[in-house]
Amino acid sequence: MTEAVTAETWIGIGVAVVMFWGIASWALVRTLRQEERKVSLLERQGGMDTYSPKALEELRTFIEENPEDPYVDDAKQKYNRCVENLRSVEEYYYDWSDAEVDALESL
C-alpha cells in the first residue's frame, strides 16, 4: 500500500519551497527599504507624517461620527499630532500635497 513519491511530486515541492522563500525574501527587502526611508526622514527632520491622507481622513470621520466613543480623545490627540507633524516637516513619507496639508484643521 505504500506508494513511492514521484519525481513530479518532488519537483512540485521544490518549486513551492523556492517560491515561498523568494516571496518572503522580497517582502523582507521591501519592508526594510521602507523602514530605512522612515528612519532617514526622522533623522533629517526630527519627525514625519504618521498617517496617509486616506487614513487621516478615516480617523477624522471616526472622530466626527463617534463623539461619545471612549477612544475619541486619544483619536483627536493622534489626529492633531499628525497635522502638527505635517506642518513642521519639509518632506512627507506618504503622498501629501501642499494643498491637502494647508486644508487640514486641528480638532
N, C-alpha and C. Protein backbone atom coordinates (compact mmCIF):
# COMPACT_ATOMS: atom_id res chain seq x y z
N MET A 1 0.81 -1.20 0.00
CA MET A 1 0.00 0.00 0.00
C MET A 1 0.86 1.27 0.00
N THR A 2 2.11 1.16 0.23
CA THR A 2 2.97 2.31 0.24
C THR A 2 3.35 2.66 -1.20
N GLU A 3 3.11 3.90 -1.55
CA GLU A 3 3.44 4.34 -2.90
C GLU A 3 4.68 5.22 -2.85
N ALA A 4 5.50 5.12 -3.85
CA ALA A 4 6.70 5.94 -3.93
C ALA A 4 6.31 7.36 -4.36
N VAL A 5 7.04 8.31 -3.88
CA VAL A 5 6.81 9.70 -4.26
C VAL A 5 7.42 9.89 -5.64
N THR A 6 6.62 10.42 -6.54
CA THR A 6 7.07 10.56 -7.93
C THR A 6 7.98 11.78 -8.08
N ALA A 7 8.67 11.81 -9.19
CA ALA A 7 9.57 12.93 -9.49
C ALA A 7 8.78 14.22 -9.60
N GLU A 8 7.56 14.15 -10.18
CA GLU A 8 6.73 15.35 -10.31
C GLU A 8 6.36 15.92 -8.94
N THR A 9 6.13 15.04 -7.98
CA THR A 9 5.81 15.49 -6.63
C THR A 9 6.99 16.22 -6.03
N TRP A 10 8.19 15.66 -6.17
CA TRP A 10 9.39 16.31 -5.64
C TRP A 10 9.64 17.65 -6.32
N ILE A 11 9.40 17.70 -7.61
CA ILE A 11 9.57 18.97 -8.33
C ILE A 11 8.57 20.00 -7.81
N GLY A 12 7.34 19.58 -7.62
CA GLY A 12 6.31 20.47 -7.08
C GLY A 12 6.67 20.98 -5.70
N ILE A 13 7.18 20.11 -4.84
CA ILE A 13 7.61 20.52 -3.51
C ILE A 13 8.76 21.51 -3.61
N GLY A 14 9.71 21.22 -4.48
CA GLY A 14 10.86 22.13 -4.66
C GLY A 14 10.43 23.50 -5.15
N VAL A 15 9.53 23.54 -6.11
CA VAL A 15 9.02 24.82 -6.62
C VAL A 15 8.31 25.59 -5.52
N ALA A 16 7.50 24.89 -4.73
CA ALA A 16 6.77 25.56 -3.64
C ALA A 16 7.73 26.15 -2.62
N VAL A 17 8.78 25.41 -2.27
CA VAL A 17 9.75 25.91 -1.30
C VAL A 17 10.49 27.12 -1.86
N VAL A 18 10.92 27.04 -3.11
CA VAL A 18 11.64 28.17 -3.72
C VAL A 18 10.73 29.39 -3.81
N MET A 19 9.48 29.20 -4.20
CA MET A 19 8.55 30.34 -4.29
C MET A 19 8.30 30.95 -2.92
N PHE A 20 8.13 30.11 -1.90
CA PHE A 20 7.90 30.62 -0.55
C PHE A 20 9.05 31.51 -0.12
N TRP A 21 10.29 31.01 -0.24
CA TRP A 21 11.45 31.79 0.20
C TRP A 21 11.68 33.00 -0.69
N GLY A 22 11.36 32.89 -1.96
CA GLY A 22 11.50 34.04 -2.86
C GLY A 22 10.57 35.17 -2.49
N ILE A 23 9.31 34.83 -2.27
CA ILE A 23 8.32 35.85 -1.90
C ILE A 23 8.62 36.42 -0.51
N ALA A 24 9.00 35.55 0.41
CA ALA A 24 9.33 36.03 1.76
C ALA A 24 10.54 36.96 1.72
N SER A 25 11.54 36.64 0.93
CA SER A 25 12.73 37.49 0.82
C SER A 25 12.38 38.83 0.21
N TRP A 26 11.56 38.81 -0.85
CA TRP A 26 11.14 40.06 -1.48
C TRP A 26 10.39 40.95 -0.49
N ALA A 27 9.48 40.35 0.27
CA ALA A 27 8.71 41.11 1.25
C ALA A 27 9.61 41.70 2.33
N LEU A 28 10.59 40.94 2.77
CA LEU A 28 11.53 41.43 3.78
C LEU A 28 12.35 42.60 3.26
N VAL A 29 12.89 42.47 2.06
CA VAL A 29 13.70 43.55 1.48
C VAL A 29 12.85 44.81 1.29
N ARG A 30 11.63 44.66 0.80
CA ARG A 30 10.75 45.81 0.58
C ARG A 30 10.44 46.51 1.90
N THR A 31 10.13 45.75 2.92
CA THR A 31 9.82 46.31 4.23
C THR A 31 11.03 47.03 4.82
N LEU A 32 12.20 46.43 4.71
CA LEU A 32 13.41 47.06 5.24
C LEU A 32 13.72 48.37 4.52
N ARG A 33 13.48 48.42 3.23
CA ARG A 33 13.71 49.68 2.48
C ARG A 33 12.74 50.77 2.94
N GLN A 34 11.48 50.39 3.17
CA GLN A 34 10.51 51.37 3.66
C GLN A 34 10.91 51.89 5.03
N GLU A 35 11.32 50.99 5.90
CA GLU A 35 11.72 51.40 7.25
C GLU A 35 12.98 52.26 7.21
N GLU A 36 13.89 51.94 6.29
CA GLU A 36 15.11 52.75 6.14
C GLU A 36 14.75 54.17 5.72
N ARG A 37 13.77 54.31 4.83
CA ARG A 37 13.34 55.64 4.41
C ARG A 37 12.71 56.40 5.58
N LYS A 38 11.92 55.71 6.39
CA LYS A 38 11.31 56.35 7.56
C LYS A 38 12.37 56.83 8.53
N VAL A 39 13.36 56.01 8.81
CA VAL A 39 14.43 56.38 9.74
C VAL A 39 15.20 57.57 9.19
N SER A 40 15.46 57.56 7.91
CA SER A 40 16.17 58.68 7.28
C SER A 40 15.40 59.99 7.45
N LEU A 41 14.08 59.93 7.22
CA LEU A 41 13.26 61.13 7.40
C LEU A 41 13.27 61.60 8.85
N LEU A 42 13.18 60.67 9.78
CA LEU A 42 13.20 61.02 11.20
C LEU A 42 14.52 61.65 11.60
N GLU A 43 15.62 61.11 11.10
CA GLU A 43 16.93 61.66 11.46
C GLU A 43 17.13 63.06 10.88
N ARG A 44 16.67 63.28 9.65
CA ARG A 44 16.86 64.57 9.00
C ARG A 44 15.92 65.64 9.53
N GLN A 45 14.65 65.26 9.76
CA GLN A 45 13.63 66.25 10.08
C GLN A 45 13.20 66.24 11.54
N GLY A 46 13.50 65.18 12.25
CA GLY A 46 13.06 65.07 13.62
C GLY A 46 11.62 64.64 13.77
N GLY A 47 10.94 64.37 12.67
CA GLY A 47 9.56 63.92 12.69
C GLY A 47 9.12 63.53 11.30
N MET A 48 7.93 62.97 11.23
CA MET A 48 7.37 62.61 9.92
C MET A 48 5.86 62.48 10.04
N ASP A 49 5.20 62.43 8.88
CA ASP A 49 3.76 62.25 8.88
C ASP A 49 3.44 60.83 9.33
N THR A 50 2.48 60.71 10.22
CA THR A 50 2.18 59.41 10.81
C THR A 50 1.01 58.71 10.14
N TYR A 51 0.26 59.41 9.30
CA TYR A 51 -0.88 58.81 8.61
C TYR A 51 -0.86 59.21 7.14
N SER A 52 -1.37 58.33 6.31
CA SER A 52 -1.57 58.66 4.90
C SER A 52 -2.79 59.57 4.80
N PRO A 53 -2.98 60.23 3.66
CA PRO A 53 -4.16 61.09 3.52
C PRO A 53 -5.47 60.34 3.76
N LYS A 54 -5.59 59.14 3.23
CA LYS A 54 -6.82 58.37 3.41
C LYS A 54 -7.01 57.96 4.87
N ALA A 55 -5.94 57.54 5.52
CA ALA A 55 -6.04 57.11 6.92
C ALA A 55 -6.42 58.28 7.82
N LEU A 56 -5.84 59.46 7.57
CA LEU A 56 -6.17 60.62 8.39
C LEU A 56 -7.61 61.05 8.16
N GLU A 57 -8.08 60.93 6.92
CA GLU A 57 -9.48 61.24 6.62
C GLU A 57 -10.41 60.26 7.36
N GLU A 58 -10.05 58.98 7.37
CA GLU A 58 -10.86 57.98 8.08
C GLU A 58 -10.85 58.24 9.59
N LEU A 59 -9.71 58.67 10.12
CA LEU A 59 -9.63 58.98 11.54
C LEU A 59 -10.53 60.17 11.87
N ARG A 60 -10.52 61.18 11.03
CA ARG A 60 -11.38 62.34 11.26
C ARG A 60 -12.86 61.94 11.18
N THR A 61 -13.20 61.10 10.22
CA THR A 61 -14.57 60.61 10.09
C THR A 61 -14.99 59.86 11.35
N PHE A 62 -14.11 59.01 11.86
CA PHE A 62 -14.40 58.29 13.10
C PHE A 62 -14.67 59.27 14.24
N ILE A 63 -13.83 60.28 14.37
CA ILE A 63 -13.97 61.26 15.45
C ILE A 63 -15.30 62.00 15.34
N GLU A 64 -15.65 62.42 14.13
CA GLU A 64 -16.89 63.17 13.93
C GLU A 64 -18.14 62.31 14.12
N GLU A 65 -18.05 61.03 13.74
CA GLU A 65 -19.24 60.17 13.82
C GLU A 65 -19.39 59.47 15.17
N ASN A 66 -18.38 59.52 16.01
CA ASN A 66 -18.42 58.81 17.29
C ASN A 66 -17.97 59.71 18.44
N PRO A 67 -18.66 60.81 18.68
CA PRO A 67 -18.21 61.74 19.73
C PRO A 67 -18.27 61.16 21.14
N GLU A 68 -19.06 60.13 21.35
CA GLU A 68 -19.19 59.54 22.69
C GLU A 68 -18.29 58.33 22.90
N ASP A 69 -17.52 57.96 21.89
CA ASP A 69 -16.65 56.79 21.99
C ASP A 69 -15.58 57.03 23.06
N PRO A 70 -15.25 56.03 23.87
CA PRO A 70 -14.23 56.23 24.92
C PRO A 70 -12.84 56.51 24.35
N TYR A 71 -12.60 56.19 23.10
CA TYR A 71 -11.28 56.41 22.49
C TYR A 71 -11.20 57.68 21.66
N VAL A 72 -12.26 58.47 21.65
CA VAL A 72 -12.28 59.65 20.79
C VAL A 72 -11.23 60.69 21.21
N ASP A 73 -10.95 60.84 22.50
CA ASP A 73 -9.93 61.80 22.92
C ASP A 73 -8.55 61.38 22.44
N ASP A 74 -8.27 60.09 22.52
CA ASP A 74 -6.99 59.57 22.02
C ASP A 74 -6.90 59.77 20.51
N ALA A 75 -8.01 59.53 19.82
CA ALA A 75 -8.04 59.70 18.36
C ALA A 75 -7.80 61.17 17.99
N LYS A 76 -8.40 62.10 18.74
CA LYS A 76 -8.18 63.52 18.48
C LYS A 76 -6.72 63.90 18.68
N GLN A 77 -6.13 63.37 19.75
CA GLN A 77 -4.71 63.64 20.01
C GLN A 77 -3.85 63.17 18.85
N LYS A 78 -4.10 61.96 18.37
CA LYS A 78 -3.32 61.41 17.27
C LYS A 78 -3.54 62.21 15.98
N TYR A 79 -4.77 62.62 15.75
CA TYR A 79 -5.08 63.42 14.58
C TYR A 79 -4.33 64.75 14.62
N ASN A 80 -4.44 65.44 15.75
CA ASN A 80 -3.78 66.74 15.89
C ASN A 80 -2.25 66.62 15.80
N ARG A 81 -1.70 65.55 16.36
CA ARG A 81 -0.25 65.34 16.30
C ARG A 81 0.20 65.15 14.85
N CYS A 82 -0.60 64.43 14.07
CA CYS A 82 -0.26 64.23 12.66
C CYS A 82 -0.33 65.56 11.89
N VAL A 83 -1.36 66.35 12.15
CA VAL A 83 -1.48 67.66 11.49
C VAL A 83 -0.28 68.54 11.84
N GLU A 84 0.12 68.56 13.10
CA GLU A 84 1.29 69.34 13.51
C GLU A 84 2.55 68.85 12.81
N ASN A 85 2.72 67.54 12.75
CA ASN A 85 3.90 66.99 12.07
C ASN A 85 3.91 67.35 10.59
N LEU A 86 2.76 67.28 9.95
CA LEU A 86 2.69 67.62 8.53
C LEU A 86 3.10 69.07 8.28
N ARG A 87 2.75 69.94 9.20
CA ARG A 87 3.08 71.36 9.02
C ARG A 87 4.53 71.67 9.37
N SER A 88 5.19 70.77 10.10
CA SER A 88 6.55 71.06 10.54
C SER A 88 7.63 70.38 9.72
N VAL A 89 7.27 69.41 8.87
CA VAL A 89 8.29 68.70 8.09
C VAL A 89 8.35 69.24 6.67
N GLU A 90 9.50 69.04 6.03
CA GLU A 90 9.67 69.50 4.67
C GLU A 90 9.32 68.42 3.65
N GLU A 91 9.62 67.18 4.00
CA GLU A 91 9.38 66.06 3.08
C GLU A 91 8.43 65.07 3.74
N TYR A 92 7.44 64.61 2.98
CA TYR A 92 6.44 63.70 3.51
C TYR A 92 6.79 62.26 3.14
N TYR A 93 6.42 61.34 4.01
CA TYR A 93 6.60 59.92 3.70
C TYR A 93 5.46 59.46 2.79
N TYR A 94 4.24 59.85 3.12
CA TYR A 94 3.08 59.49 2.32
C TYR A 94 2.85 60.55 1.25
N ASP A 95 1.93 60.29 0.33
CA ASP A 95 1.69 61.18 -0.80
C ASP A 95 0.77 62.34 -0.43
N TRP A 96 1.31 63.31 0.27
CA TRP A 96 0.57 64.51 0.64
C TRP A 96 0.92 65.63 -0.33
N SER A 97 -0.07 66.40 -0.72
CA SER A 97 0.21 67.62 -1.48
C SER A 97 0.19 68.79 -0.51
N ASP A 98 0.83 69.87 -0.88
CA ASP A 98 0.84 71.05 -0.01
C ASP A 98 -0.58 71.60 0.19
N ALA A 99 -1.41 71.49 -0.84
CA ALA A 99 -2.80 71.96 -0.73
C ALA A 99 -3.57 71.13 0.29
N GLU A 100 -3.35 69.83 0.30
CA GLU A 100 -4.03 68.97 1.28
C GLU A 100 -3.60 69.32 2.70
N VAL A 101 -2.33 69.56 2.88
CA VAL A 101 -1.82 69.90 4.21
C VAL A 101 -2.36 71.25 4.65
N ASP A 102 -2.39 72.21 3.75
CA ASP A 102 -2.91 73.54 4.09
C ASP A 102 -4.40 73.50 4.46
N ALA A 103 -5.14 72.54 3.88
CA ALA A 103 -6.57 72.45 4.14
C ALA A 103 -6.90 71.77 5.47
N LEU A 104 -5.93 71.13 6.09
CA LEU A 104 -6.17 70.42 7.36
C LEU A 104 -6.38 71.40 8.50
N GLU A 105 -7.29 71.04 9.39
CA GLU A 105 -7.55 71.82 10.59
C GLU A 105 -7.41 70.94 11.80
N SER A 106 -6.86 71.47 12.85
CA SER A 106 -6.77 70.72 14.11
C SER A 106 -8.15 70.60 14.72
N LEU A 107 -8.33 69.57 15.52
CA LEU A 107 -9.63 69.36 16.18
C LEU A 107 -9.57 69.81 17.64
